[in-house]
Amino acid sequence: MSKTITFNELRKIKDALPSGSMAKIAEELGLEKETVKNYFGGSDYDEGKSVGVHIEPGPDGGLVLLDDTTILDVALRMLGISEEEKEEE
C-alpha cells in the first residue's frame, strides 16, 4: 500500500524512535539496517537497498511517496501510534 507523507513528518517519526529501533525493524522484517535507514531518508546504498521512497521537493522538506508502508507501520507500532491516529493529525 502506498502513502504520501512530508519528508519532515517522516523524519519526525524516525527521530521519535528509541535508540536501536532501526536494527529492531530490520530484524523483524528481514532487512539490512541500512535499508531501513534509507527508508527514513538515508542514502547508504553500499550496505542498504533502495526501498521505494520517492521525494518531490516542496514545503516541509517535500513530499515523500512511499511505495510500501510496511517499515512505516512497524515504526508507528513501536511508537504506539495506530495508522488511524496518524491520518487524523
PDB file of N, CA and C in Angstrom:
ATOM      1  N   MET A   1       0.846  -1.180   0.000  1.00  0.00           N
ATOM      2  CA  MET A   1       0.000   0.000   0.000  1.00  0.00           C
ATOM      3  C   MET A   1       0.892   1.244   0.000  1.00  0.00           C
ATOM      4  N   SER A   2       0.644   2.172  -0.887  1.00  0.00           N
ATOM      5  CA  SER A   2       1.463   3.384  -0.954  1.00  0.00           C
ATOM      6  C   SER A   2       0.858   4.487  -0.090  1.00  0.00           C
ATOM      7  N   LYS A   3       1.708   5.452   0.232  1.00  0.00           N
ATOM      8  CA  LYS A   3       1.277   6.567   1.078  1.00  0.00           C
ATOM      9  C   LYS A   3       2.153   7.764   0.752  1.00  0.00           C
ATOM     10  N   THR A   4       1.572   8.959   0.837  1.00  0.00           N
ATOM     11  CA  THR A   4       2.323  10.194   0.681  1.00  0.00           C
ATOM     12  C   THR A   4       2.397  10.889   2.040  1.00  0.00           C
ATOM     13  N   ILE A   5       3.584  11.327   2.396  1.00  0.00           N
ATOM     14  CA  ILE A   5       3.843  11.968   3.685  1.00  0.00           C
ATOM     15  C   ILE A   5       4.887  13.052   3.422  1.00  0.00           C
ATOM     16  N   THR A   6       4.971  14.074   4.262  1.00  0.00           N
ATOM     17  CA  THR A   6       6.033  15.053   4.063  1.00  0.00           C
ATOM     18  C   THR A   6       7.343  14.467   4.601  1.00  0.00           C
ATOM     19  N   PHE A   7       8.443  14.935   4.039  1.00  0.00           N
ATOM     20  CA  PHE A   7       9.751  14.478   4.493  1.00  0.00           C
ATOM     21  C   PHE A   7       9.937  14.797   5.968  1.00  0.00           C
ATOM     22  N   ASN A   8       9.501  15.985   6.383  1.00  0.00           N
ATOM     23  CA  ASN A   8       9.644  16.371   7.790  1.00  0.00           C
ATOM     24  C   ASN A   8       8.840  15.457   8.718  1.00  0.00           C
ATOM     25  N   GLU A   9       7.643  15.030   8.292  1.00  0.00           N
ATOM     26  CA  GLU A   9       6.856  14.096   9.099  1.00  0.00           C
ATOM     27  C   GLU A   9       7.577  12.756   9.232  1.00  0.00           C
ATOM     28  N   LEU A  10       8.142  12.294   8.121  1.00  0.00           N
ATOM     29  CA  LEU A  10       8.862  11.020   8.133  1.00  0.00           C
ATOM     30  C   LEU A  10      10.065  11.099   9.065  1.00  0.00           C
ATOM     31  N   ARG A  11      10.815  12.192   8.997  1.00  0.00           N
ATOM     32  CA  ARG A  11      11.974  12.371   9.878  1.00  0.00           C
ATOM     33  C   ARG A  11      11.556  12.513  11.338  1.00  0.00           C
ATOM     34  N   LYS A  12      10.420  13.156  11.582  1.00  0.00           N
ATOM     35  CA  LYS A  12       9.915  13.296  12.954  1.00  0.00           C
ATOM     36  C   LYS A  12       9.625  11.918  13.554  1.00  0.00           C
ATOM     37  N   ILE A  13       9.040  11.043  12.766  1.00  0.00           N
ATOM     38  CA  ILE A  13       8.770   9.673  13.229  1.00  0.00           C
ATOM     39  C   ILE A  13      10.087   8.975  13.527  1.00  0.00           C
ATOM     40  N   LYS A  14      11.045   9.073  12.592  1.00  0.00           N
ATOM     41  CA  LYS A  14      12.352   8.438  12.784  1.00  0.00           C
ATOM     42  C   LYS A  14      13.020   8.961  14.052  1.00  0.00           C
ATOM     43  N   ASP A  15      13.006  10.266  14.242  1.00  0.00           N
ATOM     44  CA  ASP A  15      13.667  10.878  15.396  1.00  0.00           C
ATOM     45  C   ASP A  15      12.991  10.509  16.721  1.00  0.00           C
ATOM     46  N   ALA A  16      11.705  10.180  16.684  1.00  0.00           N
ATOM     47  CA  ALA A  16      10.975   9.806  17.903  1.00  0.00           C
ATOM     48  C   ALA A  16      11.234   8.361  18.312  1.00  0.00           C
ATOM     49  N   LEU A  17      11.762   7.560  17.399  1.00  0.00           N
ATOM     50  CA  LEU A  17      12.011   6.150  17.712  1.00  0.00           C
ATOM     51  C   LEU A  17      13.134   6.018  18.733  1.00  0.00           C
ATOM     52  N   PRO A  18      12.989   5.060  19.646  1.00  0.00           N
ATOM     53  CA  PRO A  18      14.053   4.844  20.631  1.00  0.00           C
ATOM     54  C   PRO A  18      15.341   4.337  19.962  1.00  0.00           C
ATOM     55  N   SER A  19      16.438   4.525  20.634  1.00  0.00           N
ATOM     56  CA  SER A  19      17.730   4.049  20.152  1.00  0.00           C
ATOM     57  C   SER A  19      17.662   2.548  19.856  1.00  0.00           C
ATOM     58  N   GLY A  20      18.243   2.153  18.742  1.00  0.00           N
ATOM     59  CA  GLY A  20      18.252   0.741  18.369  1.00  0.00           C
ATOM     60  C   GLY A  20      17.061   0.299  17.540  1.00  0.00           C
ATOM     61  N   SER A  21      16.130   1.217  17.284  1.00  0.00           N
ATOM     62  CA  SER A  21      14.908   0.861  16.558  1.00  0.00           C
ATOM     63  C   SER A  21      15.171   0.446  15.121  1.00  0.00           C
ATOM     64  N   MET A  22      16.147   1.080  14.456  1.00  0.00           N
ATOM     65  CA  MET A  22      16.430   0.720  13.061  1.00  0.00           C
ATOM     66  C   MET A  22      16.811  -0.756  12.969  1.00  0.00           C
ATOM     67  N   ALA A  23      17.651  -1.203  13.913  1.00  0.00           N
ATOM     68  CA  ALA A  23      18.081  -2.605  13.932  1.00  0.00           C
ATOM     69  C   ALA A  23      16.909  -3.531  14.246  1.00  0.00           C
ATOM     70  N   LYS A  24      16.034  -3.120  15.162  1.00  0.00           N
ATOM     71  CA  LYS A  24      14.874  -3.954  15.518  1.00  0.00           C
ATOM     72  C   LYS A  24      13.902  -4.079  14.355  1.00  0.00           C
ATOM     73  N   ILE A  25      13.651  -2.970  13.654  1.00  0.00           N
ATOM     74  CA  ILE A  25      12.765  -3.006  12.489  1.00  0.00           C
ATOM     75  C   ILE A  25      13.377  -3.905  11.416  1.00  0.00           C
ATOM     76  N   ALA A  26      14.677  -3.732  11.169  1.00  0.00           N
ATOM     77  CA  ALA A  26      15.367  -4.539  10.162  1.00  0.00           C
ATOM     78  C   ALA A  26      15.276  -6.025  10.489  1.00  0.00           C
ATOM     79  N   GLU A  27      15.514  -6.367  11.749  1.00  0.00           N
ATOM     80  CA  GLU A  27      15.461  -7.768  12.160  1.00  0.00           C
ATOM     81  C   GLU A  27      14.053  -8.336  11.992  1.00  0.00           C
ATOM     82  N   GLU A  28      13.059  -7.582  12.410  1.00  0.00           N
ATOM     83  CA  GLU A  28      11.673  -8.046  12.309  1.00  0.00           C
ATOM     84  C   GLU A  28      11.273  -8.298  10.862  1.00  0.00           C
ATOM     85  N   LEU A  29      11.746  -7.450   9.954  1.00  0.00           N
ATOM     86  CA  LEU A  29      11.333  -7.549   8.554  1.00  0.00           C
ATOM     87  C   LEU A  29      12.331  -8.297   7.669  1.00  0.00           C
ATOM     88  N   GLY A  30      13.447  -8.752   8.260  1.00  0.00           N
ATOM     89  CA  GLY A  30      14.444  -9.482   7.486  1.00  0.00           C
ATOM     90  C   GLY A  30      15.186  -8.601   6.493  1.00  0.00           C
ATOM     91  N   LEU A  31      15.459  -7.356   6.897  1.00  0.00           N
ATOM     92  CA  LEU A  31      16.145  -6.393   6.048  1.00  0.00           C
ATOM     93  C   LEU A  31      17.483  -6.003   6.673  1.00  0.00           C
ATOM     94  N   GLU A  32      18.340  -5.375   5.870  1.00  0.00           N
ATOM     95  CA  GLU A  32      19.567  -4.788   6.403  1.00  0.00           C
ATOM     96  C   GLU A  32      19.193  -3.496   7.144  1.00  0.00           C
ATOM     97  N   LYS A  33      19.924  -3.193   8.220  1.00  0.00           N
ATOM     98  CA  LYS A  33      19.663  -1.968   8.981  1.00  0.00           C
ATOM     99  C   LYS A  33      19.792  -0.732   8.086  1.00  0.00           C
ATOM    100  N   GLU A  34      20.766  -0.725   7.186  1.00  0.00           N
ATOM    101  CA  GLU A  34      20.967   0.421   6.300  1.00  0.00           C
ATOM    102  C   GLU A  34      19.776   0.612   5.355  1.00  0.00           C
ATOM    103  N   THR A  35      19.098  -0.464   4.990  1.00  0.00           N
ATOM    104  CA  THR A  35      17.912  -0.358   4.147  1.00  0.00           C
ATOM    105  C   THR A  35      16.811   0.389   4.889  1.00  0.00           C
ATOM    106  N   VAL A  36      16.645   0.081   6.174  1.00  0.00           N
ATOM    107  CA  VAL A  36      15.642   0.773   6.992  1.00  0.00           C
ATOM    108  C   VAL A  36      16.030   2.248   7.128  1.00  0.00           C
ATOM    109  N   LYS A  37      17.297   2.520   7.336  1.00  0.00           N
ATOM    110  CA  LYS A  37      17.751   3.918   7.430  1.00  0.00           C
ATOM    111  C   LYS A  37      17.479   4.659   6.122  1.00  0.00           C
ATOM    112  N   ASN A  38      17.691   3.991   4.984  1.00  0.00           N
ATOM    113  CA  ASN A  38      17.420   4.617   3.686  1.00  0.00           C
ATOM    114  C   ASN A  38      15.949   4.980   3.551  1.00  0.00           C
ATOM    115  N   TYR A  39      15.068   4.173   4.122  1.00  0.00           N
ATOM    116  CA  TYR A  39      13.627   4.441   4.089  1.00  0.00           C
ATOM    117  C   TYR A  39      13.309   5.773   4.752  1.00  0.00           C
ATOM    118  N   PHE A  40      14.061   6.081   5.810  1.00  0.00           N
ATOM    119  CA  PHE A  40      13.831   7.314   6.557  1.00  0.00           C
ATOM    120  C   PHE A  40      14.700   8.470   6.074  1.00  0.00           C
ATOM    121  N   GLY A  41      15.244   8.362   4.868  1.00  0.00           N
ATOM    122  CA  GLY A  41      15.974   9.464   4.272  1.00  0.00           C
ATOM    123  C   GLY A  41      17.471   9.266   4.163  1.00  0.00           C
ATOM    124  N   GLY A  42      17.972   8.113   4.581  1.00  0.00           N
ATOM    125  CA  GLY A  42      19.403   7.839   4.446  1.00  0.00           C
ATOM    126  C   GLY A  42      19.771   7.593   2.993  1.00  0.00           C
ATOM    127  N   SER A  43      21.063   7.434   2.752  1.00  0.00           N
ATOM    128  CA  SER A  43      21.496   7.192   1.378  1.00  0.00           C
ATOM    129  C   SER A  43      22.705   6.268   1.313  1.00  0.00           C
ATOM    130  N   ASP A  44      22.705   5.226   2.140  1.00  0.00           N
ATOM    131  CA  ASP A  44      23.791   4.245   2.120  1.00  0.00           C
ATOM    132  C   ASP A  44      23.366   3.075   1.247  1.00  0.00           C
ATOM    133  N   TYR A  45      23.705   3.160  -0.031  1.00  0.00           N
ATOM    134  CA  TYR A  45      23.303   2.107  -0.954  1.00  0.00           C
ATOM    135  C   TYR A  45      24.399   1.073  -1.154  1.00  0.00           C
ATOM    136  N   ASP A  46      25.552   1.232  -0.460  1.00  0.00           N
ATOM    137  CA  ASP A  46      26.580   0.199  -0.485  1.00  0.00           C
ATOM    138  C   ASP A  46      26.148  -0.958   0.412  1.00  0.00           C
ATOM    139  N   GLU A  47      25.606  -0.634   1.586  1.00  0.00           N
ATOM    140  CA  GLU A  47      25.163  -1.647   2.551  1.00  0.00           C
ATOM    141  C   GLU A  47      23.662  -1.910   2.455  1.00  0.00           C
ATOM    142  N   GLY A  48      22.880  -0.860   2.237  1.00  0.00           N
ATOM    143  CA  GLY A  48      21.426  -0.995   2.197  1.00  0.00           C
ATOM    144  C   GLY A  48      20.907  -0.909   0.777  1.00  0.00           C
ATOM    145  N   LYS A  49      19.625  -1.154   0.640  1.00  0.00           N
ATOM    146  CA  LYS A  49      18.978  -1.119  -0.669  1.00  0.00           C
ATOM    147  C   LYS A  49      18.014   0.061  -0.753  1.00  0.00           C
ATOM    148  N   SER A  50      17.637   0.388  -1.967  1.00  0.00           N
ATOM    149  CA  SER A  50      16.581   1.362  -2.197  1.00  0.00           C
ATOM    150  C   SER A  50      15.264   0.708  -1.789  1.00  0.00           C
ATOM    151  N   VAL A  51      14.367   1.483  -1.228  1.00  0.00           N
ATOM    152  CA  VAL A  51      13.143   0.897  -0.687  1.00  0.00           C
ATOM    153  C   VAL A  51      11.873   1.533  -1.217  1.00  0.00           C
ATOM    154  N   GLY A  52      11.890   2.074  -2.404  1.00  0.00           N
ATOM    155  CA  GLY A  52      10.671   2.643  -2.975  1.00  0.00           C
ATOM    156  C   GLY A  52      10.232   3.926  -2.325  1.00  0.00           C
ATOM    157  N   VAL A  53      11.190   4.806  -2.072  1.00  0.00           N
ATOM    158  CA  VAL A  53      10.922   6.120  -1.496  1.00  0.00           C
ATOM    159  C   VAL A  53      11.212   7.148  -2.581  1.00  0.00           C
ATOM    160  N   HIS A  54      10.206   7.937  -2.925  1.00  0.00           N
ATOM    161  CA  HIS A  54      10.353   8.944  -3.968  1.00  0.00           C
ATOM    162  C   HIS A  54      10.091  10.314  -3.353  1.00  0.00           C
ATOM    163  N   ILE A  55      11.081  11.212  -3.435  1.00  0.00           N
ATOM    164  CA  ILE A  55      10.972  12.529  -2.810  1.00  0.00           C
ATOM    165  C   ILE A  55      10.756  13.593  -3.874  1.00  0.00           C
ATOM    166  N   GLU A  56       9.722  14.394  -3.676  1.00  0.00           N
ATOM    167  CA  GLU A  56       9.396  15.518  -4.559  1.00  0.00           C
ATOM    168  C   GLU A  56       9.652  16.799  -3.768  1.00  0.00           C
ATOM    169  N   PRO A  57      10.565  17.670  -4.215  1.00  0.00           N
ATOM    170  CA  PRO A  57      10.868  18.897  -3.473  1.00  0.00           C
ATOM    171  C   PRO A  57       9.612  19.739  -3.211  1.00  0.00           C
ATOM    172  N   GLY A  58       9.605  20.417  -2.072  1.00  0.00           N
ATOM    173  CA  GLY A  58       8.491  21.291  -1.719  1.00  0.00           C
ATOM    174  C   GLY A  58       8.557  21.689  -0.261  1.00  0.00           C
ATOM    175  N   PRO A  59       7.485  22.319   0.244  1.00  0.00           N
ATOM    176  CA  PRO A  59       7.455  22.734   1.653  1.00  0.00           C
ATOM    177  C   PRO A  59       7.540  21.533   2.593  1.00  0.00           C
ATOM    178  N   ASP A  60       7.962  21.750   3.825  1.00  0.00           N
ATOM    179  CA  ASP A  60       8.122  20.712   4.843  1.00  0.00           C
ATOM    180  C   ASP A  60       9.084  19.625   4.401  1.00  0.00           C
ATOM    181  N   GLY A  61      10.109  20.018   3.649  1.00  0.00           N
ATOM    182  CA  GLY A  61      11.099  19.055   3.190  1.00  0.00           C
ATOM    183  C   GLY A  61      10.684  18.335   1.923  1.00  0.00           C
ATOM    184  N   GLY A  62       9.505  18.628   1.432  1.00  0.00           N
ATOM    185  CA  GLY A  62       8.999  17.984   0.219  1.00  0.00           C
ATOM    186  C   GLY A  62       8.069  16.839   0.549  1.00  0.00           C
ATOM    187  N   LEU A  63       7.480  16.290  -0.490  1.00  0.00           N
ATOM    188  CA  LEU A  63       6.581  15.153  -0.323  1.00  0.00           C
ATOM    189  C   LEU A  63       7.333  13.863  -0.596  1.00  0.00           C
ATOM    190  N   VAL A  64       7.034  12.849   0.190  1.00  0.00           N
ATOM    191  CA  VAL A  64       7.653  11.546   0.024  1.00  0.00           C
ATOM    192  C   VAL A  64       6.545  10.550  -0.311  1.00  0.00           C
ATOM    193  N   LEU A  65       6.684   9.877  -1.455  1.00  0.00           N
ATOM    194  CA  LEU A  65       5.764   8.807  -1.815  1.00  0.00           C
ATOM    195  C   LEU A  65       6.422   7.499  -1.415  1.00  0.00           C
ATOM    196  N   LEU A  66       5.784   6.796  -0.495  1.00  0.00           N
ATOM    197  CA  LEU A  66       6.282   5.504  -0.039  1.00  0.00           C
ATOM    198  C   LEU A  66       5.525   4.422  -0.809  1.00  0.00           C
ATOM    199  N   ASP A  67       6.250   3.622  -1.595  1.00  0.00           N
ATOM    200  CA  ASP A  67       5.613   2.550  -2.363  1.00  0.00           C
ATOM    201  C   ASP A  67       5.011   1.482  -1.462  1.00  0.00           C
ATOM    202  N   ASP A  68       5.636   1.270  -0.301  1.00  0.00           N
ATOM    203  CA  ASP A  68       5.204   0.231   0.642  1.00  0.00           C
ATOM    204  C   ASP A  68       5.343   0.817   2.040  1.00  0.00           C
ATOM    205  N   THR A  69       4.306   0.734   2.842  1.00  0.00           N
ATOM    206  CA  THR A  69       4.327   1.347   4.178  1.00  0.00           C
ATOM    207  C   THR A  69       4.713   0.376   5.295  1.00  0.00           C
ATOM    208  N   THR A  70       5.193  -0.803   4.963  1.00  0.00           N
ATOM    209  CA  THR A  70       5.489  -1.804   5.994  1.00  0.00           C
ATOM    210  C   THR A  70       6.471  -1.275   7.038  1.00  0.00           C
ATOM    211  N   ILE A  71       7.564  -0.667   6.617  1.00  0.00           N
ATOM    212  CA  ILE A  71       8.547  -0.138   7.573  1.00  0.00           C
ATOM    213  C   ILE A  71       7.915   0.970   8.404  1.00  0.00           C
ATOM    214  N   LEU A  72       7.171   1.860   7.776  1.00  0.00           N
ATOM    215  CA  LEU A  72       6.482   2.931   8.498  1.00  0.00           C
ATOM    216  C   LEU A  72       5.497   2.353   9.502  1.00  0.00           C
ATOM    217  N   ASP A  73       4.755   1.338   9.106  1.00  0.00           N
ATOM    218  CA  ASP A  73       3.777   0.722  10.003  1.00  0.00           C
ATOM    219  C   ASP A  73       4.447   0.139  11.241  1.00  0.00           C
ATOM    220  N   VAL A  74       5.593  -0.521  11.069  1.00  0.00           N
ATOM    221  CA  VAL A  74       6.319  -1.078  12.209  1.00  0.00           C
ATOM    222  C   VAL A  74       6.820   0.051  13.109  1.00  0.00           C
ATOM    223  N   ALA A  75       7.343   1.121  12.510  1.00  0.00           N
ATOM    224  CA  ALA A  75       7.831   2.262  13.297  1.00  0.00           C
ATOM    225  C   ALA A  75       6.699   2.887  14.110  1.00  0.00           C
ATOM    226  N   LEU A  76       5.550   3.079  13.477  1.00  0.00           N
ATOM    227  CA  LEU A  76       4.405   3.660  14.186  1.00  0.00           C
ATOM    228  C   LEU A  76       3.931   2.737  15.312  1.00  0.00           C
ATOM    229  N   ARG A  77       3.945   1.447  15.048  1.00  0.00           N
ATOM    230  CA  ARG A  77       3.571   0.489  16.096  1.00  0.00           C
ATOM    231  C   ARG A  77       4.536   0.591  17.273  1.00  0.00           C
ATOM    232  N   MET A  78       5.828   0.736  16.985  1.00  0.00           N
ATOM    233  CA  MET A  78       6.823   0.880  18.059  1.00  0.00           C
ATOM    234  C   MET A  78       6.569   2.145  18.882  1.00  0.00           C
ATOM    235  N   LEU A  79       6.028   3.159  18.241  1.00  0.00           N
ATOM    236  CA  LEU A  79       5.720   4.412  18.935  1.00  0.00           C
ATOM    237  C   LEU A  79       4.340   4.387  19.583  1.00  0.00           C
ATOM    238  N   GLY A  80       3.599   3.315  19.361  1.00  0.00           N
ATOM    239  CA  GLY A  80       2.260   3.215  19.926  1.00  0.00           C
ATOM    240  C   GLY A  80       1.242   4.057  19.196  1.00  0.00           C
ATOM    241  N   ILE A  81       1.495   4.333  17.916  1.00  0.00           N
ATOM    242  CA  ILE A  81       0.588   5.154  17.115  1.00  0.00           C
ATOM    243  C   ILE A  81      -0.065   4.268  16.065  1.00  0.00           C
ATOM    244  N   SER A  82      -1.380   4.233  16.057  1.00  0.00           N
ATOM    245  CA  SER A  82      -2.082   3.461  15.028  1.00  0.00           C
ATOM    246  C   SER A  82      -2.128   4.287  13.740  1.00  0.00           C
ATOM    247  N   GLU A  83      -2.304   3.634  12.610  1.00  0.00           N
ATOM    248  CA  GLU A  83      -2.385   4.343  11.328  1.00  0.00           C
ATOM    249  C   GLU A  83      -3.574   5.305  11.326  1.00  0.00           C
ATOM    250  N   GLU A  84      -4.673   4.939  11.982  1.00  0.00           N
ATOM    251  CA  GLU A  84      -5.843   5.817  12.039  1.00  0.00           C
ATOM    252  C   GLU A  84      -5.507   7.105  12.783  1.00  0.00           C
ATOM    253  N   GLU A  85      -4.759   6.993  13.892  1.00  0.00           N
ATOM    254  CA  GLU A  85      -4.361   8.178  14.647  1.00  0.00           C
ATOM    255  C   GLU A  85      -3.451   9.068  13.803  1.00  0.00           C
ATOM    256  N   LYS A  86      -2.537   8.450  13.052  1.00  0.00           N
ATOM    257  CA  LYS A  86      -1.600   9.210  12.226  1.00  0.00           C
ATOM    258  C   LYS A  86      -2.338   9.986  11.150  1.00  0.00           C
ATOM    259  N   GLU A  87      -3.361   9.385  10.547  1.00  0.00           N
ATOM    260  CA  GLU A  87      -4.115  10.041   9.500  1.00  0.00           C
ATOM    261  C   GLU A  87      -4.956  11.208  10.032  1.00  0.00           C
ATOM    262  N   GLU A  88      -5.314  11.178  11.319  1.00  0.00           N
ATOM    263  CA  GLU A  88      -6.109  12.248  11.920  1.00  0.00           C
ATOM    264  C   GLU A  88      -5.278  13.500  12.166  1.00  0.00           C
ATOM    265  N   GLU A  89      -3.928  13.354  12.277  1.00  0.00           N
ATOM    266  CA  GLU A  89      -3.059  14.511  12.569  1.00  0.00           C
ATOM    267  C   GLU A  89      -3.018  15.478  11.424  1.00  0.00           C
TER     268      GLU A  89
END
